[in-house]
Amino acid sequence: MNSFEIMGPCRMSGDIVPQGAKNEALQVICAVLLTSEEIVIDNIPDILDVNNLISLLQEMGVEVKKPAPNKYCFRAGDIDLQYLQSKDFRNRASSLRGSIMIMGPLLARYGRAYFPKPGGDKIGRRRLDTHFYGFEKLGARFEFKPDEIFYTVYAEKLKGAYMLLDEASVTGTANIIMAAVLTPGTTTIYNAACEPYIQQLCKMLTSMGAKISGIGSNLLNITGVSSLKGCSHRILPDMIEVGSFIGMAAMTKSEICVKNAAPQELGIIPLAFSRMGIEWEIRGEDVFIPSQEQYEIESFIDGSIMTIADAPWPGLTPDLLSVFLVVATQAKGSVLIHQKMFESRLFFVDKLIDMGASIILCDPHRATVIGHNHETSLRGSVMTSPDIRAGVALLIAALSAKGKSVIHNIEQIDRGYQSIDTRLNQLGASIRRI
């Protein structure tokens, strides 16, 4: 098990370029299974989750080439469906939640798909009902073997249908879209997720010959086509990483410019940081965060405590709430962090409390943070990263803390952040991988 050793406090400065979006990469890489022609994808992040998915596709029979850093060529000519029932497939796929999105393409192209219950972050229940509801509406049937925790989805014939999703699941929406693009007839998906990741997937599929209307809204209409062709696609900058850098700059009083950040794709993220009192400025395609000695959390108009809560797009992404929580520990004022989607994602606050933060965990979904206004520094600590987003939040806390901190289980951070120690050290951080 690798660890990070951080000597703080670190006051950083300089330019940093965000990686390609992890969540988009997982979707568009699964989409290569929809055609036998070559697909070229650029700006793929070099992170564990993505690399493991690419390795899984190779084992399935996909030809993969890497002509340049962060650029891959895929050709899914002949897929080995027998491999999908092997023990090796179960072991690989069950450790990577994003690989659930191979089911839609396989169902559309081959009429069947197999999948073990996926793994990923330990942040609470993440049900798959939306995926299977969509597949069933298209005419598929599924079997679940509880003893093996294994799913089988199959269909002799798929047909377009109207469906109202019970939740705006991002991966569920992506899976259903990929199944529908090769399904005869018209499929209407209402309450579809409309995150930039989904928009990018739809744009890529359209360039492959798919017929999709309503891109960017929660109402998608898809007219099935008989086949799809190859294409070239470039992944957006990772808005979660951009948000992490904004929070890190404020927490450590650093002056940082996030280059090529695609600010027009950040949605409500900059506004949420403004409500925390954090200054930022858009400079073309860059986001500049000046050094601040302090930042004060706003109150609502009636004077009540500010609440930062996650919501489906265009609301605030839940992947950044861990960062907002840790940044609030050094703000002036108080804030209620409300994590609505996952009941275990706030459990890392005990580690921040050990570092000296003033936090009240109200219940599994809510935490009240009383900021120190940088008058009392956090202290170094030894901790373990429970998931990707909490891991980077703890890293931000350690960078601002006084003394040495050690973060274990940094494989969780590596799953979502490319060479984060190397890139931050170039800004002046003191992070050692041990």
Protein backbone atom coordinates (compact mmCIF):
# COMPACT_ATOMS: atom_id res chain seq x y z
CA MET A 1 0.00 0.00 0.00
CA ASN A 2 1.41 3.40 -1.02
CA SER A 3 1.12 6.55 1.06
CA PHE A 4 1.63 10.30 0.76
CA GLU A 5 3.82 12.15 3.24
CA ILE A 6 2.96 15.86 3.25
CA MET A 7 4.85 18.62 5.03
CA GLY A 8 2.64 21.66 5.60
CA PRO A 9 1.61 24.31 5.40
CA CYS A 10 2.29 24.64 1.64
CA ARG A 11 1.70 27.95 -0.08
CA MET A 12 1.75 27.31 -3.81
CA SER A 13 1.79 29.39 -6.99
CA GLY A 14 1.85 28.84 -10.73
CA ASP A 15 -0.12 27.28 -13.56
CA ILE A 16 -1.68 23.83 -13.61
CA VAL A 17 -3.51 22.01 -16.40
CA PRO A 18 -6.46 19.79 -15.44
CA GLN A 19 -6.57 16.22 -16.69
CA GLY A 20 -9.26 14.89 -19.00
CA ALA A 21 -12.57 14.22 -17.30
CA LYS A 22 -12.59 10.83 -15.58
CA ASN A 23 -16.35 10.38 -15.69
CA GLU A 24 -16.56 11.24 -19.37
CA ALA A 25 -13.65 8.95 -20.19
CA LEU A 26 -15.35 5.93 -18.63
CA GLN A 27 -18.47 6.54 -20.75
CA VAL A 28 -16.89 7.23 -24.14
CA ILE A 29 -14.40 4.37 -23.79
CA CYS A 30 -17.31 1.95 -23.23
CA ALA A 31 -18.97 3.42 -26.34
CA VAL A 32 -16.19 2.04 -28.58
CA LEU A 33 -17.95 -1.34 -28.26
CA LEU A 34 -20.80 -0.02 -30.44
CA THR A 35 -18.85 -0.25 -33.70
CA SER A 36 -16.24 -2.40 -35.39
CA GLU A 37 -14.59 0.69 -36.88
CA GLU A 38 -11.70 2.61 -35.31
CA ILE A 39 -12.40 5.26 -32.70
CA VAL A 40 -9.72 7.75 -31.63
CA ILE A 41 -10.10 9.41 -28.22
CA ASP A 42 -7.78 12.18 -27.05
CA ASN A 43 -7.16 13.70 -23.59
CA ILE A 44 -7.76 10.41 -21.77
CA PRO A 45 -6.52 10.77 -18.16
CA ASP A 46 -3.75 8.42 -17.04
CA ILE A 47 -5.51 7.20 -13.89
CA LEU A 48 -6.17 3.76 -12.42
CA ASP A 49 -9.91 3.55 -13.10
CA VAL A 50 -9.49 4.47 -16.77
CA ASN A 51 -6.41 2.30 -17.29
CA ASN A 52 -8.18 -0.67 -15.73
CA LEU A 53 -11.17 -0.19 -18.03
CA ILE A 54 -8.92 -0.06 -21.10
CA SER A 55 -7.19 -3.23 -19.92
CA LEU A 56 -10.57 -4.91 -19.47
CA LEU A 57 -11.61 -4.01 -23.02
CA GLN A 58 -8.36 -5.47 -24.33
CA GLU A 59 -9.10 -8.75 -22.58
CA MET A 60 -12.54 -8.70 -24.22
CA GLY A 61 -10.91 -8.52 -27.65
CA VAL A 62 -10.72 -4.78 -28.36
CA GLU A 63 -7.58 -3.73 -30.24
CA VAL A 64 -5.94 -0.80 -28.45
CA LYS A 65 -3.12 1.45 -29.64
CA LYS A 66 -1.56 4.46 -27.93
CA PRO A 67 -0.06 6.76 -30.59
CA ALA A 68 0.62 9.62 -28.11
CA PRO A 69 0.34 10.35 -24.38
CA ASN A 70 -3.33 10.48 -23.33
CA LYS A 71 -4.43 9.49 -26.86
CA TYR A 72 -5.78 6.03 -27.75
CA CYS A 73 -7.12 4.24 -30.83
CA PHE A 74 -9.75 1.54 -30.27
CA ARG A 75 -11.15 -1.06 -32.65
CA ALA A 76 -13.81 -3.43 -31.29
CA GLY A 77 -13.89 -5.90 -34.18
CA ASP A 78 -14.54 -9.25 -32.55
CA ILE A 79 -15.63 -9.35 -28.90
CA ASP A 80 -15.06 -12.57 -26.96
CA LEU A 81 -18.45 -13.05 -25.30
CA GLN A 82 -17.24 -16.25 -23.63
CA TYR A 83 -14.67 -14.22 -21.72
CA LEU A 84 -17.53 -12.29 -20.11
CA GLN A 85 -18.45 -15.44 -18.16
CA SER A 86 -14.91 -16.11 -16.96
CA LYS A 87 -13.58 -15.70 -13.45
CA ASP A 88 -10.96 -13.21 -14.70
CA PHE A 89 -13.68 -10.98 -16.14
CA ARG A 90 -15.64 -11.10 -12.90
CA ASN A 91 -12.59 -10.15 -10.87
CA ARG A 92 -11.61 -7.27 -13.16
CA ALA A 93 -15.09 -5.84 -13.74
CA SER A 94 -16.26 -6.11 -10.13
CA SER A 95 -13.39 -3.86 -8.97
CA LEU A 96 -14.34 -1.04 -11.35
CA ARG A 97 -17.75 0.58 -11.11
CA GLY A 98 -17.50 2.47 -14.42
CA SER A 99 -17.29 -0.77 -16.36
CA ILE A 100 -21.04 -1.31 -15.77
CA MET A 101 -21.45 0.84 -18.90
CA ILE A 102 -20.26 -1.94 -21.19
CA MET A 103 -23.70 -3.53 -20.77
CA GLY A 104 -25.62 -1.07 -22.96
CA PRO A 105 -23.29 -1.37 -25.96
CA LEU A 106 -23.07 -5.17 -25.67
CA LEU A 107 -26.84 -5.52 -25.39
CA ALA A 108 -27.39 -3.30 -28.45
CA ARG A 109 -24.74 -4.97 -30.60
CA TYR A 110 -24.90 -8.61 -29.51
CA GLY A 111 -28.26 -8.98 -27.78
CA ARG A 112 -26.78 -10.01 -24.45
CA ALA A 113 -24.43 -8.84 -21.73
CA TYR A 114 -22.99 -10.28 -18.54
CA PHE A 115 -21.78 -8.35 -15.56
CA PRO A 116 -20.80 -8.87 -11.91
CA LYS A 117 -21.95 -6.46 -9.25
CA PRO A 118 -19.51 -3.54 -9.67
CA GLY A 119 -17.20 -2.17 -7.01
CA GLY A 120 -15.68 1.32 -6.68
CA ASP A 121 -15.90 3.80 -3.84
CA LYS A 122 -17.23 2.79 -0.44
CA ILE A 123 -19.64 5.72 -0.19
CA GLY A 124 -22.91 3.92 0.44
CA ARG A 125 -25.47 2.16 -1.69
CA ARG A 126 -25.34 2.87 -5.42
CA ARG A 127 -28.20 0.88 -6.89
CA LEU A 128 -28.42 -0.24 -10.51
CA ASP A 129 -32.22 -0.28 -10.86
CA THR A 130 -32.26 2.60 -13.36
CA HIS A 131 -29.96 0.73 -15.74
CA PHE A 132 -32.11 -2.40 -15.77
CA TYR A 133 -35.40 -0.48 -15.88
CA GLY A 134 -34.22 1.19 -19.10
CA PHE A 135 -33.06 -2.10 -20.62
CA GLU A 136 -36.40 -3.75 -19.78
CA LYS A 137 -38.35 -0.90 -21.38
CA LEU A 138 -36.36 -1.57 -24.57
CA GLY A 139 -37.45 -5.20 -24.45
CA ALA A 140 -34.58 -6.87 -22.62
CA ARG A 141 -34.82 -9.33 -19.75
CA PHE A 142 -32.35 -9.76 -16.95
CA GLU A 143 -31.42 -12.43 -14.48
CA PHE A 144 -29.64 -11.90 -11.19
CA LYS A 145 -27.81 -14.68 -9.40
CA PRO A 146 -27.52 -13.52 -5.77
CA ASP A 147 -25.14 -16.35 -4.84
CA GLU A 148 -22.69 -15.14 -7.48
CA ILE A 149 -23.79 -11.47 -7.48
CA PHE A 150 -23.88 -11.72 -11.27
CA TYR A 151 -26.21 -10.07 -13.80
CA THR A 152 -27.24 -11.42 -17.20
CA VAL A 153 -29.17 -9.19 -19.63
CA TYR A 154 -30.44 -10.54 -22.94
CA ALA A 155 -32.94 -9.73 -25.68
CA GLU A 156 -34.00 -11.49 -28.86
CA LYS A 157 -35.26 -8.19 -30.21
CA LEU A 158 -35.06 -4.64 -28.87
CA LYS A 159 -37.57 -1.92 -29.71
CA GLY A 160 -37.62 1.82 -29.01
CA ALA A 161 -39.81 2.92 -26.10
CA TYR A 162 -40.82 5.84 -23.89
CA MET A 163 -39.38 5.78 -20.40
CA LEU A 164 -39.48 8.07 -17.38
CA LEU A 165 -36.41 7.36 -15.24
CA ASP A 166 -36.97 7.16 -11.49
CA GLU A 167 -33.71 9.05 -10.94
CA ALA A 168 -31.42 11.10 -13.17
CA SER A 169 -28.63 8.55 -12.94
CA VAL A 170 -25.58 9.58 -14.98
CA THR A 171 -24.26 6.08 -15.62
CA GLY A 172 -27.79 4.73 -16.00
CA THR A 173 -28.62 7.37 -18.61
CA ALA A 174 -25.35 6.68 -20.46
CA ASN A 175 -26.00 2.93 -20.49
CA ILE A 176 -29.55 3.35 -21.82
CA ILE A 177 -28.45 5.85 -24.49
CA MET A 178 -25.80 3.44 -25.76
CA ALA A 179 -28.35 0.62 -25.92
CA ALA A 180 -30.93 2.82 -27.66
CA VAL A 181 -28.76 4.18 -30.49
CA LEU A 182 -28.77 0.76 -32.21
CA THR A 183 -32.35 -0.15 -31.21
CA PRO A 184 -35.00 0.05 -33.96
CA GLY A 185 -37.64 2.73 -33.47
CA THR A 186 -37.68 5.86 -31.33
CA THR A 187 -36.62 5.89 -27.70
CA THR A 188 -37.63 8.78 -25.46
CA ILE A 189 -35.79 9.17 -22.17
CA TYR A 190 -37.40 11.62 -19.73
CA ASN A 191 -35.63 12.69 -16.54
CA ALA A 192 -32.37 11.83 -18.26
CA ALA A 193 -29.13 13.03 -16.66
CA CYS A 194 -27.76 15.97 -18.64
CA GLU A 195 -24.27 16.47 -17.16
CA PRO A 196 -21.54 17.63 -19.57
CA TYR A 197 -20.31 14.00 -19.56
CA ILE A 198 -23.65 12.86 -21.02
CA GLN A 199 -23.63 15.72 -23.52
CA GLN A 200 -20.15 14.72 -24.64
CA LEU A 201 -21.18 11.08 -25.01
CA CYS A 202 -24.18 12.13 -27.13
CA LYS A 203 -22.00 14.36 -29.32
CA MET A 204 -19.55 11.51 -29.86
CA LEU A 205 -22.35 9.09 -30.73
CA THR A 206 -23.85 11.65 -33.13
CA SER A 207 -20.49 11.94 -34.89
CA MET A 208 -20.59 8.14 -35.22
CA GLY A 209 -23.96 8.36 -36.99
CA ALA A 210 -26.42 8.15 -34.09
CA LYS A 211 -29.61 10.25 -34.21
CA ILE A 212 -30.09 12.01 -30.86
CA SER A 213 -32.07 15.19 -30.15
CA GLY A 214 -32.48 17.12 -26.90
CA ILE A 215 -28.78 16.99 -26.01
CA GLY A 216 -28.18 19.12 -22.91
CA SER A 217 -31.74 18.69 -21.61
CA ASN A 218 -33.42 16.02 -19.49
CA LEU A 219 -35.59 14.89 -22.41
CA LEU A 220 -33.74 12.86 -25.05
CA ASN A 221 -35.18 11.42 -28.26
CA ILE A 222 -33.15 8.72 -29.96
CA THR A 223 -33.96 7.21 -33.35
CA GLY A 224 -32.17 3.89 -33.70
CA VAL A 225 -29.81 3.27 -36.60
CA SER A 226 -28.59 -0.04 -38.03
CA SER A 227 -24.88 0.61 -37.47
CA LEU A 228 -22.37 3.19 -36.28
CA LYS A 229 -19.06 4.26 -37.77
CA GLY A 230 -15.74 5.33 -36.29
CA CYS A 231 -14.90 8.86 -35.16
CA SER A 232 -12.42 11.08 -33.33
CA HIS A 233 -13.32 12.57 -29.97
CA ARG A 234 -11.63 14.83 -27.40
CA ILE A 235 -12.51 14.61 -23.71
CA LEU A 236 -13.31 17.78 -21.74
CA PRO A 237 -11.14 18.98 -18.83
CA ASP A 238 -12.19 17.37 -15.55
CA MET A 239 -14.48 19.84 -13.79
CA ILE A 240 -14.05 17.94 -10.51
CA GLU A 241 -10.32 18.49 -10.68
CA VAL A 242 -10.81 22.16 -11.59
CA GLY A 243 -13.05 22.56 -8.54
CA SER A 244 -10.51 20.73 -6.38
CA PHE A 245 -7.80 23.17 -7.46
CA ILE A 246 -10.02 26.19 -6.69
CA GLY A 247 -10.66 24.87 -3.18
CA MET A 248 -7.02 23.96 -2.66
CA ALA A 249 -5.86 27.44 -3.66
CA ALA A 250 -8.22 29.09 -1.15
CA MET A 251 -7.42 26.66 1.67
CA THR A 252 -3.64 27.11 1.28
CA LYS A 253 -3.70 30.87 0.47
CA SER A 254 -2.12 30.05 -2.89
CA GLU A 255 -2.24 31.90 -6.21
CA ILE A 256 -3.02 29.40 -8.94
CA CYS A 257 -4.13 29.60 -12.57
CA VAL A 258 -5.98 26.55 -13.85
CA LYS A 259 -5.17 26.52 -17.57
CA ASN A 260 -7.52 25.32 -20.31
CA ALA A 261 -10.25 24.70 -17.74
CA ALA A 262 -13.25 25.09 -20.12
CA PRO A 263 -15.00 27.46 -17.65
CA GLN A 264 -18.18 27.44 -19.74
CA GLU A 265 -18.63 23.77 -18.76
CA LEU A 266 -18.28 24.31 -14.99
CA GLY A 267 -21.95 25.08 -14.41
CA ILE A 268 -22.74 26.27 -10.89
CA ILE A 269 -19.35 25.28 -9.42
CA PRO A 270 -17.78 28.79 -9.56
CA LEU A 271 -20.91 30.35 -8.02
CA ALA A 272 -20.83 27.84 -5.15
CA PHE A 273 -17.22 28.82 -4.41
CA SER A 274 -18.23 32.50 -4.51
CA ARG A 275 -20.80 31.77 -1.80
CA MET A 276 -17.92 30.44 0.26
CA GLY A 277 -16.21 33.82 -0.14
CA ILE A 278 -13.57 32.50 -2.54
CA GLU A 279 -12.41 34.87 -5.28
CA TRP A 280 -11.85 33.62 -8.82
CA GLU A 281 -11.61 35.11 -12.26
CA ILE A 282 -12.19 33.73 -15.75
CA ARG A 283 -9.43 34.64 -18.18
CA GLY A 284 -10.40 33.24 -21.54
CA GLU A 285 -10.23 29.46 -21.11
CA ASP A 286 -8.40 29.75 -17.78
CA VAL A 287 -9.61 30.12 -14.19
CA PHE A 288 -7.39 32.33 -11.99
CA ILE A 289 -7.58 32.10 -8.19
CA PRO A 290 -5.70 34.87 -6.36
CA SER A 291 -4.09 34.41 -2.96
CA GLN A 292 -6.53 35.22 -0.16
CA GLU A 293 -5.65 35.67 3.49
CA GLN A 294 -9.24 34.88 4.42
CA TYR A 295 -12.60 34.10 2.84
CA GLU A 296 -16.02 34.62 4.43
CA ILE A 297 -19.04 32.39 3.86
CA GLU A 298 -22.16 34.22 2.77
CA SER A 299 -25.47 33.94 4.59
CA PHE A 300 -28.85 33.61 2.91
CA ILE A 301 -30.83 36.82 2.44
CA ASP A 302 -32.85 36.16 5.62
CA GLY A 303 -29.62 35.71 7.60
CA SER A 304 -29.84 31.93 7.96
CA ILE A 305 -26.79 29.70 7.66
CA MET A 306 -25.55 28.94 4.15
CA THR A 307 -26.29 25.44 2.86
CA ILE A 308 -24.16 23.81 0.19
CA ALA A 309 -26.01 20.78 -1.23
CA ASP A 310 -25.61 18.48 -4.20
CA ALA A 311 -28.24 18.14 -6.91
CA PRO A 312 -28.60 16.68 -10.40
CA TRP A 313 -27.06 18.82 -13.14
CA PRO A 314 -27.20 21.77 -13.50
CA GLY A 315 -27.06 21.61 -9.71
CA LEU A 316 -23.83 21.11 -7.79
CA THR A 317 -22.06 17.81 -8.42
CA PRO A 318 -21.83 15.55 -5.33
CA ASP A 319 -18.22 14.76 -6.23
CA LEU A 320 -17.12 18.19 -4.95
CA LEU A 321 -18.92 18.29 -1.60
CA SER A 322 -15.92 16.73 0.16
CA VAL A 323 -13.78 19.60 -1.14
CA PHE A 324 -16.31 22.24 -0.07
CA LEU A 325 -16.44 20.70 3.40
CA VAL A 326 -12.69 20.77 3.95
CA VAL A 327 -12.38 24.31 2.54
CA ALA A 328 -15.07 25.48 4.97
CA THR A 329 -12.91 24.45 7.95
CA GLN A 330 -10.72 27.54 7.42
CA ALA A 331 -13.44 29.95 6.28
CA LYS A 332 -14.94 32.79 8.30
CA GLY A 333 -18.46 31.73 9.25
CA SER A 334 -20.40 28.50 9.22
CA VAL A 335 -21.99 26.32 6.57
CA LEU A 336 -24.20 23.25 6.40
CA ILE A 337 -22.92 20.64 3.92
CA HIS A 338 -25.79 18.44 2.75
CA GLN A 339 -24.78 15.30 0.85
CA LYS A 340 -28.11 13.96 -0.39
CA MET A 341 -27.08 11.08 -2.62
CA PHE A 342 -24.70 8.87 -0.61
CA GLU A 343 -25.02 8.05 3.07
CA SER A 344 -21.35 7.25 3.73
CA ARG A 345 -19.55 10.04 1.92
CA LEU A 346 -19.28 12.35 4.94
CA PHE A 347 -17.84 9.76 7.30
CA PHE A 348 -14.30 10.99 6.59
CA VAL A 349 -14.97 14.09 8.76
CA ASP A 350 -13.68 12.29 11.84
CA LYS A 351 -10.22 12.56 10.29
CA LEU A 352 -10.65 16.33 9.89
CA ILE A 353 -11.85 16.59 13.50
CA ASP A 354 -8.66 14.80 14.57
CA MET A 355 -6.75 17.51 12.70
CA GLY A 356 -8.52 20.19 14.76
CA ALA A 357 -11.47 21.09 12.52
CA SER A 358 -14.74 22.16 14.12
CA ILE A 359 -17.37 19.96 12.50
CA ILE A 360 -20.64 18.53 13.77
CA LEU A 361 -21.76 15.43 11.87
CA CYS A 362 -25.53 15.81 12.15
CA ASP A 363 -26.39 12.53 10.43
CA PRO A 364 -24.99 10.44 7.54
CA HIS A 365 -26.02 13.13 5.05
CA ARG A 366 -25.34 16.46 6.81
CA ALA A 367 -22.41 18.13 8.52
CA THR A 368 -22.16 21.62 10.01
CA VAL A 369 -18.74 23.24 9.70
CA ILE A 370 -17.65 26.14 11.92
CA GLY A 371 -14.75 27.82 10.16
CA HIS A 372 -11.51 28.86 11.89
CA ASN A 373 -10.93 31.89 9.62
CA HIS A 374 -7.27 30.76 9.35
CA GLU A 375 -6.78 31.82 12.99
CA THR A 376 -6.15 28.24 14.10
CA SER A 377 -4.34 25.94 11.68
CA LEU A 378 -5.19 22.31 11.23
CA ARG A 379 -2.51 20.00 12.57
CA GLY A 380 -0.76 17.20 10.74
CA SER A 381 -2.19 13.74 11.16
CA VAL A 382 -2.02 10.14 9.97
CA MET A 383 -5.12 9.07 8.05
CA THR A 384 -6.45 6.69 5.40
CA SER A 385 -8.22 7.68 2.20
CA PRO A 386 -11.69 6.03 2.08
CA ASP A 387 -12.60 7.06 -1.49
CA ILE A 388 -11.40 9.23 -4.39
CA ARG A 389 -13.06 12.51 -3.44
CA ALA A 390 -12.52 12.26 0.31
CA GLY A 391 -8.91 11.35 -0.45
CA VAL A 392 -8.21 14.57 -2.34
CA ALA A 393 -10.08 16.55 0.35
CA LEU A 394 -7.76 15.07 2.98
CA LEU A 395 -4.79 15.93 0.75
CA ILE A 396 -5.98 19.56 0.63
CA ALA A 397 -6.35 19.55 4.42
CA ALA A 398 -2.83 18.16 4.82
CA LEU A 399 -1.38 20.81 2.49
CA SER A 400 -2.82 23.53 4.73
CA ALA A 401 -2.01 21.83 8.04
CA LYS A 402 0.95 22.55 10.29
CA GLY A 403 3.48 19.73 10.43
CA LYS A 404 3.68 16.31 8.81
CA SER A 405 0.68 14.36 7.59
CA VAL A 406 0.56 10.86 6.16
CA ILE A 407 -2.28 9.63 3.97
CA HIS A 408 -2.50 5.87 3.44
CA ASN A 409 -4.40 3.99 0.73
CA ILE A 410 -3.60 6.64 -1.88
CA GLU A 411 -4.55 4.14 -4.58
CA GLN A 412 -8.00 5.63 -4.05
CA ILE A 413 -6.67 9.08 -5.02
CA ASP A 414 -4.74 7.63 -7.96
CA ARG A 415 -8.00 6.18 -9.26
CA GLY A 416 -9.21 9.69 -10.06
CA TYR A 417 -6.26 12.11 -10.11
CA GLN A 418 -3.37 11.78 -12.54
CA SER A 419 0.10 12.16 -10.95
CA ILE A 420 -1.40 14.59 -8.43
CA ASP A 421 1.72 14.61 -6.24
CA THR A 422 4.06 15.44 -9.13
CA ARG A 423 1.84 18.21 -10.46
CA LEU A 424 1.28 19.86 -7.09
CA ASN A 425 4.98 19.63 -6.20
CA GLN A 426 5.67 21.68 -9.32
CA LEU A 427 3.54 24.42 -7.75
CA GLY A 428 5.53 24.32 -4.52
CA ALA A 429 3.82 21.58 -2.51
CA SER A 430 5.81 19.14 -0.38
CA ILE A 431 4.35 15.71 -1.12
CA ARG A 432 6.41 12.53 -1.03
CA ARG A 433 5.09 9.19 -2.29
CA ILE A 434 6.22 6.42 0.04
